[in-house]
C-alpha cells in the first residue's frame, strides 16, 4: 500500500509542475494491458 501512495504523490507533483508550466498530463488505460502516462509541455519562446 505504501508503494501505491508514493506513486500517487509522485503523480501529484508531476501534474502540478506540468500544469503550472502550461502543459497537460493524461493517462490512457486498458484492462489487462496497463496504463500509459503522457504529458505535453509548451516549447520555450513559442
PDB file of N, CA and C in Angstrom:
ATOM      1  N   UNK A   1       0.823  -1.201   0.000  1.00  0.00           N
ATOM      2  CA  UNK A   1       0.000   0.000   0.000  1.00  0.00           C
ATOM      3  C   UNK A   1       0.861   1.257   0.000  1.00  0.00           C
ATOM      4  N   UNK A   2       1.973   1.216   0.706  1.00  0.00           N
ATOM      5  CA  UNK A   2       2.854   2.373   0.761  1.00  0.00           C
ATOM      6  C   UNK A   2       3.367   2.728  -0.623  1.00  0.00           C
ATOM      7  N   UNK A   3       3.714   1.711  -1.422  1.00  0.00           N
ATOM      8  CA  UNK A   3       4.214   1.947  -2.775  1.00  0.00           C
ATOM      9  C   UNK A   3       3.170   2.684  -3.622  1.00  0.00           C
ATOM     10  N   UNK A   4       1.914   2.278  -3.537  1.00  0.00           N
ATOM     11  CA  UNK A   4       0.842   2.943  -4.281  1.00  0.00           C
ATOM     12  C   UNK A   4       0.685   4.386  -3.833  1.00  0.00           C
ATOM     13  N   UNK A   5       0.816   4.657  -2.535  1.00  0.00           N
ATOM     14  CA  UNK A   5       0.712   6.024  -2.034  1.00  0.00           C
ATOM     15  C   UNK A   5       1.854   6.887  -2.548  1.00  0.00           C
ATOM     16  N   UNK A   6       3.044   6.323  -2.650  1.00  0.00           N
ATOM     17  CA  UNK A   6       4.186   7.081  -3.167  1.00  0.00           C
ATOM     18  C   UNK A   6       3.975   7.440  -4.626  1.00  0.00           C
ATOM     19  N   UNK A   7       3.423   6.512  -5.412  1.00  0.00           N
ATOM     20  CA  UNK A   7       3.138   6.824  -6.812  1.00  0.00           C
ATOM     21  C   UNK A   7       2.114   7.936  -6.918  1.00  0.00           C
ATOM     22  N   UNK A   8       1.122   7.936  -6.052  1.00  0.00           N
ATOM     23  CA  UNK A   8       0.112   8.994  -6.053  1.00  0.00           C
ATOM     24  C   UNK A   8       0.747  10.345  -5.783  1.00  0.00           C
ATOM     25  N   UNK A   9       1.678  10.406  -4.839  1.00  0.00           N
ATOM     26  CA  UNK A   9       2.376  11.648  -4.525  1.00  0.00           C
ATOM     27  C   UNK A   9       3.221  12.072  -5.718  1.00  0.00           C
ATOM     28  N   UNK A  10       3.948  11.132  -6.329  1.00  0.00           N
ATOM     29  CA  UNK A  10       4.771  11.447  -7.497  1.00  0.00           C
ATOM     30  C   UNK A  10       3.923  12.006  -8.639  1.00  0.00           C
ATOM     31  N   UNK A  11       2.783  11.392  -8.898  1.00  0.00           N
ATOM     32  CA  UNK A  11       1.909  11.877  -9.965  1.00  0.00           C
ATOM     33  C   UNK A  11       1.330  13.243  -9.635  1.00  0.00           C
ATOM     34  N   UNK A  12       1.021  13.463  -8.383  1.00  0.00           N
ATOM     35  CA  UNK A  12       0.502  14.758  -7.958  1.00  0.00           C
ATOM     36  C   UNK A  12       1.538  15.857  -8.182  1.00  0.00           C
ATOM     37  N   UNK A  13       2.781  15.581  -7.825  1.00  0.00           N
ATOM     38  CA  UNK A  13       3.863  16.554  -8.036  1.00  0.00           C
ATOM     39  C   UNK A  13       4.082  16.791  -9.526  1.00  0.00           C
ATOM     40  N   UNK A  14       4.105  15.720 -10.304  1.00  0.00           N
ATOM     41  CA  UNK A  14       4.292  15.849 -11.751  1.00  0.00           C
ATOM     42  C   UNK A  14       3.167  16.668 -12.366  1.00  0.00           C
ATOM     43  N   UNK A  15       1.920  16.382 -11.991  1.00  0.00           N
ATOM     44  CA  UNK A  15       0.782  17.126 -12.531  1.00  0.00           C
ATOM     45  C   UNK A  15       0.879  18.608 -12.185  1.00  0.00           C
ATOM     46  N   UNK A  16       1.237  18.915 -10.957  1.00  0.00           N
ATOM     47  CA  UNK A  16       1.369  20.316 -10.534  1.00  0.00           C
ATOM     48  C   UNK A  16       2.446  21.032 -11.341  1.00  0.00           C
ATOM     49  N   UNK A  17       3.595  20.404 -11.502  1.00  0.00           N
ATOM     50  CA  UNK A  17       4.680  21.010 -12.267  1.00  0.00           C
ATOM     51  C   UNK A  17       4.277  21.235 -13.723  1.00  0.00           C
ATOM     52  N   UNK A  18       3.724  20.200 -14.339  1.00  0.00           N
ATOM     53  CA  UNK A  18       3.369  20.271 -15.757  1.00  0.00           C
ATOM     54  C   UNK A  18       2.286  21.313 -16.003  1.00  0.00           C
ATOM     55  N   UNK A  19       1.254  21.339 -15.185  1.00  0.00           N
ATOM     56  CA  UNK A  19       0.170  22.304 -15.405  1.00  0.00           C
ATOM     57  C   UNK A  19       0.603  23.745 -15.130  1.00  0.00           C
ATOM     58  N   UNK A  20       1.485  23.954 -14.157  1.00  0.00           N
ATOM     59  CA  UNK A  20       1.941  25.329 -13.904  1.00  0.00           C
ATOM     60  C   UNK A  20       2.845  25.832 -15.021  1.00  0.00           C
ATOM     61  N   UNK A  21       3.406  24.902 -15.813  1.00  0.00           N
ATOM     62  CA  UNK A  21       4.237  25.288 -16.954  1.00  0.00           C
ATOM     63  C   UNK A  21       3.412  25.414 -18.235  1.00  0.00           C
ATOM     64  N   UNK A  22       2.096  25.241 -18.117  1.00  0.00           N
ATOM     65  CA  UNK A  22       1.213  25.369 -19.276  1.00  0.00           C
ATOM     66  C   UNK A  22       1.049  24.073 -20.055  1.00  0.00           C
ATOM     67  N   UNK A  23       1.432  22.956 -19.450  1.00  0.00           N
ATOM     68  CA  UNK A  23       1.326  21.676 -20.127  1.00  0.00           C
ATOM     69  C   UNK A  23       0.091  20.904 -19.732  1.00  0.00           C
ATOM     70  N   UNK A  24       0.069  19.659 -20.168  1.00  0.00           N
ATOM     71  CA  UNK A  24      -1.075  18.782 -19.925  1.00  0.00           C
ATOM     72  C   UNK A  24      -0.565  17.392 -19.591  1.00  0.00           C
ATOM     73  N   UNK A  25      -1.195  16.711 -18.643  1.00  0.00           N
ATOM     74  CA  UNK A  25      -0.843  15.348 -18.242  1.00  0.00           C
ATOM     75  C   UNK A  25      -2.104  14.498 -18.324  1.00  0.00           C
ATOM     76  N   UNK A  26      -1.993  13.301 -18.934  1.00  0.00           N
ATOM     77  CA  UNK A  26      -3.154  12.427 -19.014  1.00  0.00           C
ATOM     78  C   UNK A  26      -2.705  10.968 -18.973  1.00  0.00           C
ATOM     79  N   UNK A  27      -3.683  10.102 -18.726  1.00  0.00           N
ATOM     80  CA  UNK A  27      -3.424   8.659 -18.661  1.00  0.00           C
ATOM     81  C   UNK A  27      -4.407   7.938 -19.563  1.00  0.00           C
ATOM     82  N   UNK A  28      -3.897   6.925 -20.240  1.00  0.00           N
ATOM     83  CA  UNK A  28      -4.730   6.030 -21.037  1.00  0.00           C
ATOM     84  C   UNK A  28      -4.534   4.636 -20.461  1.00  0.00           C
ATOM     85  N   UNK A  29      -5.629   3.958 -20.180  1.00  0.00           N
ATOM     86  CA  UNK A  29      -5.548   2.661 -19.517  1.00  0.00           C
ATOM     87  C   UNK A  29      -6.424   1.651 -20.231  1.00  0.00           C
ATOM     88  N   UNK A  30      -5.900   0.435 -20.349  1.00  0.00           N
ATOM     89  CA  UNK A  30      -6.662  -0.644 -20.955  1.00  0.00           C
ATOM     90  C   UNK A  30      -6.542  -1.869 -20.057  1.00  0.00           C
ATOM     91  N   UNK A  31      -7.668  -2.435 -19.695  1.00  0.00           N
ATOM     92  CA  UNK A  31      -7.696  -3.594 -18.810  1.00  0.00           C
ATOM     93  C   UNK A  31      -6.806  -4.701 -19.357  1.00  0.00           C
ATOM     94  N   UNK A  32      -5.910  -5.185 -18.533  1.00  0.00           N
ATOM     95  CA  UNK A  32      -5.020  -6.264 -18.918  1.00  0.00           C
ATOM     96  C   UNK A  32      -3.758  -5.834 -19.641  1.00  0.00           C
ATOM     97  N   UNK A  33      -3.702  -4.551 -20.042  1.00  0.00           N
ATOM     98  CA  UNK A  33      -2.531  -4.064 -20.775  1.00  0.00           C
ATOM     99  C   UNK A  33      -1.733  -3.033 -19.995  1.00  0.00           C
ATOM    100  N   UNK A  34      -2.294  -2.506 -18.932  1.00  0.00           N
ATOM    101  CA  UNK A  34      -1.602  -1.495 -18.138  1.00  0.00           C
ATOM    102  C   UNK A  34      -2.025  -0.089 -18.500  1.00  0.00           C
ATOM    103  N   UNK A  35      -1.236   0.870 -18.049  1.00  0.00           N
ATOM    104  CA  UNK A  35      -1.555   2.283 -18.244  1.00  0.00           C
ATOM    105  C   UNK A  35      -0.376   3.003 -18.879  1.00  0.00           C
ATOM    106  N   UNK A  36      -0.691   3.993 -19.691  1.00  0.00           N
ATOM    107  CA  UNK A  36       0.322   4.841 -20.303  1.00  0.00           C
ATOM    108  C   UNK A  36       0.080   6.269 -19.845  1.00  0.00           C
ATOM    109  N   UNK A  37       1.096   6.862 -19.228  1.00  0.00           N
ATOM    110  CA  UNK A  37       1.023   8.244 -18.777  1.00  0.00           C
ATOM    111  C   UNK A  37       1.762   9.109 -19.787  1.00  0.00           C
ATOM    112  N   UNK A  38       1.115  10.181 -20.232  1.00  0.00           N
ATOM    113  CA  UNK A  38       1.701  11.069 -21.233  1.00  0.00           C
ATOM    114  C   UNK A  38       1.581  12.506 -20.771  1.00  0.00           C
ATOM    115  N   UNK A  39       2.442  13.367 -21.304  1.00  0.00           N
ATOM    116  CA  UNK A  39       2.346  14.785 -20.994  1.00  0.00           C
ATOM    117  C   UNK A  39       2.882  15.619 -22.148  1.00  0.00           C
ATOM    118  N   UNK A  40       2.460  16.857 -22.186  1.00  0.00           N
ATOM    119  CA  UNK A  40       2.977  17.832 -23.142  1.00  0.00           C
ATOM    120  C   UNK A  40       3.439  19.053 -22.363  1.00  0.00           C
ATOM    121  N   UNK A  41       4.433  19.724 -22.890  1.00  0.00           N
ATOM    122  CA  UNK A  41       4.907  20.995 -22.356  1.00  0.00           C
ATOM    123  C   UNK A  41       5.091  21.943 -23.538  1.00  0.00           C
ATOM    124  N   UNK A  42       4.771  23.219 -23.363  1.00  0.00           N
ATOM    125  CA  UNK A  42       4.959  24.162 -24.463  1.00  0.00           C
ATOM    126  C   UNK A  42       6.449  24.375 -24.735  1.00  0.00           C
ATOM    127  N   UNK A  43       6.755  24.708 -25.976  1.00  0.00           N
ATOM    128  CA  UNK A  43       8.120  24.997 -26.375  1.00  0.00           C
ATOM    129  C   UNK A  43       8.498  26.378 -25.865  1.00  0.00           C
ATOM    130  N   UNK A  44       9.680  26.506 -25.275  1.00  0.00           N
ATOM    131  CA  UNK A  44      10.136  27.799 -24.744  1.00  0.00           C
ATOM    132  C   UNK A  44      10.238  28.822 -25.878  1.00  0.00           C
ATOM    133  N   UNK A  45       9.732  30.007 -25.622  1.00  0.00           N
ATOM    134  CA  UNK A  45       9.795  31.101 -26.586  1.00  0.00           C
ATOM    135  C   UNK A  45       8.791  31.018 -27.705  1.00  0.00           C
ATOM    136  N   UNK A  46       7.908  30.033 -27.672  1.00  0.00           N
ATOM    137  CA  UNK A  46       6.911  29.893 -28.751  1.00  0.00           C
ATOM    138  C   UNK A  46       5.661  30.683 -28.437  1.00  0.00           C
TER     139      UNK A  46
END
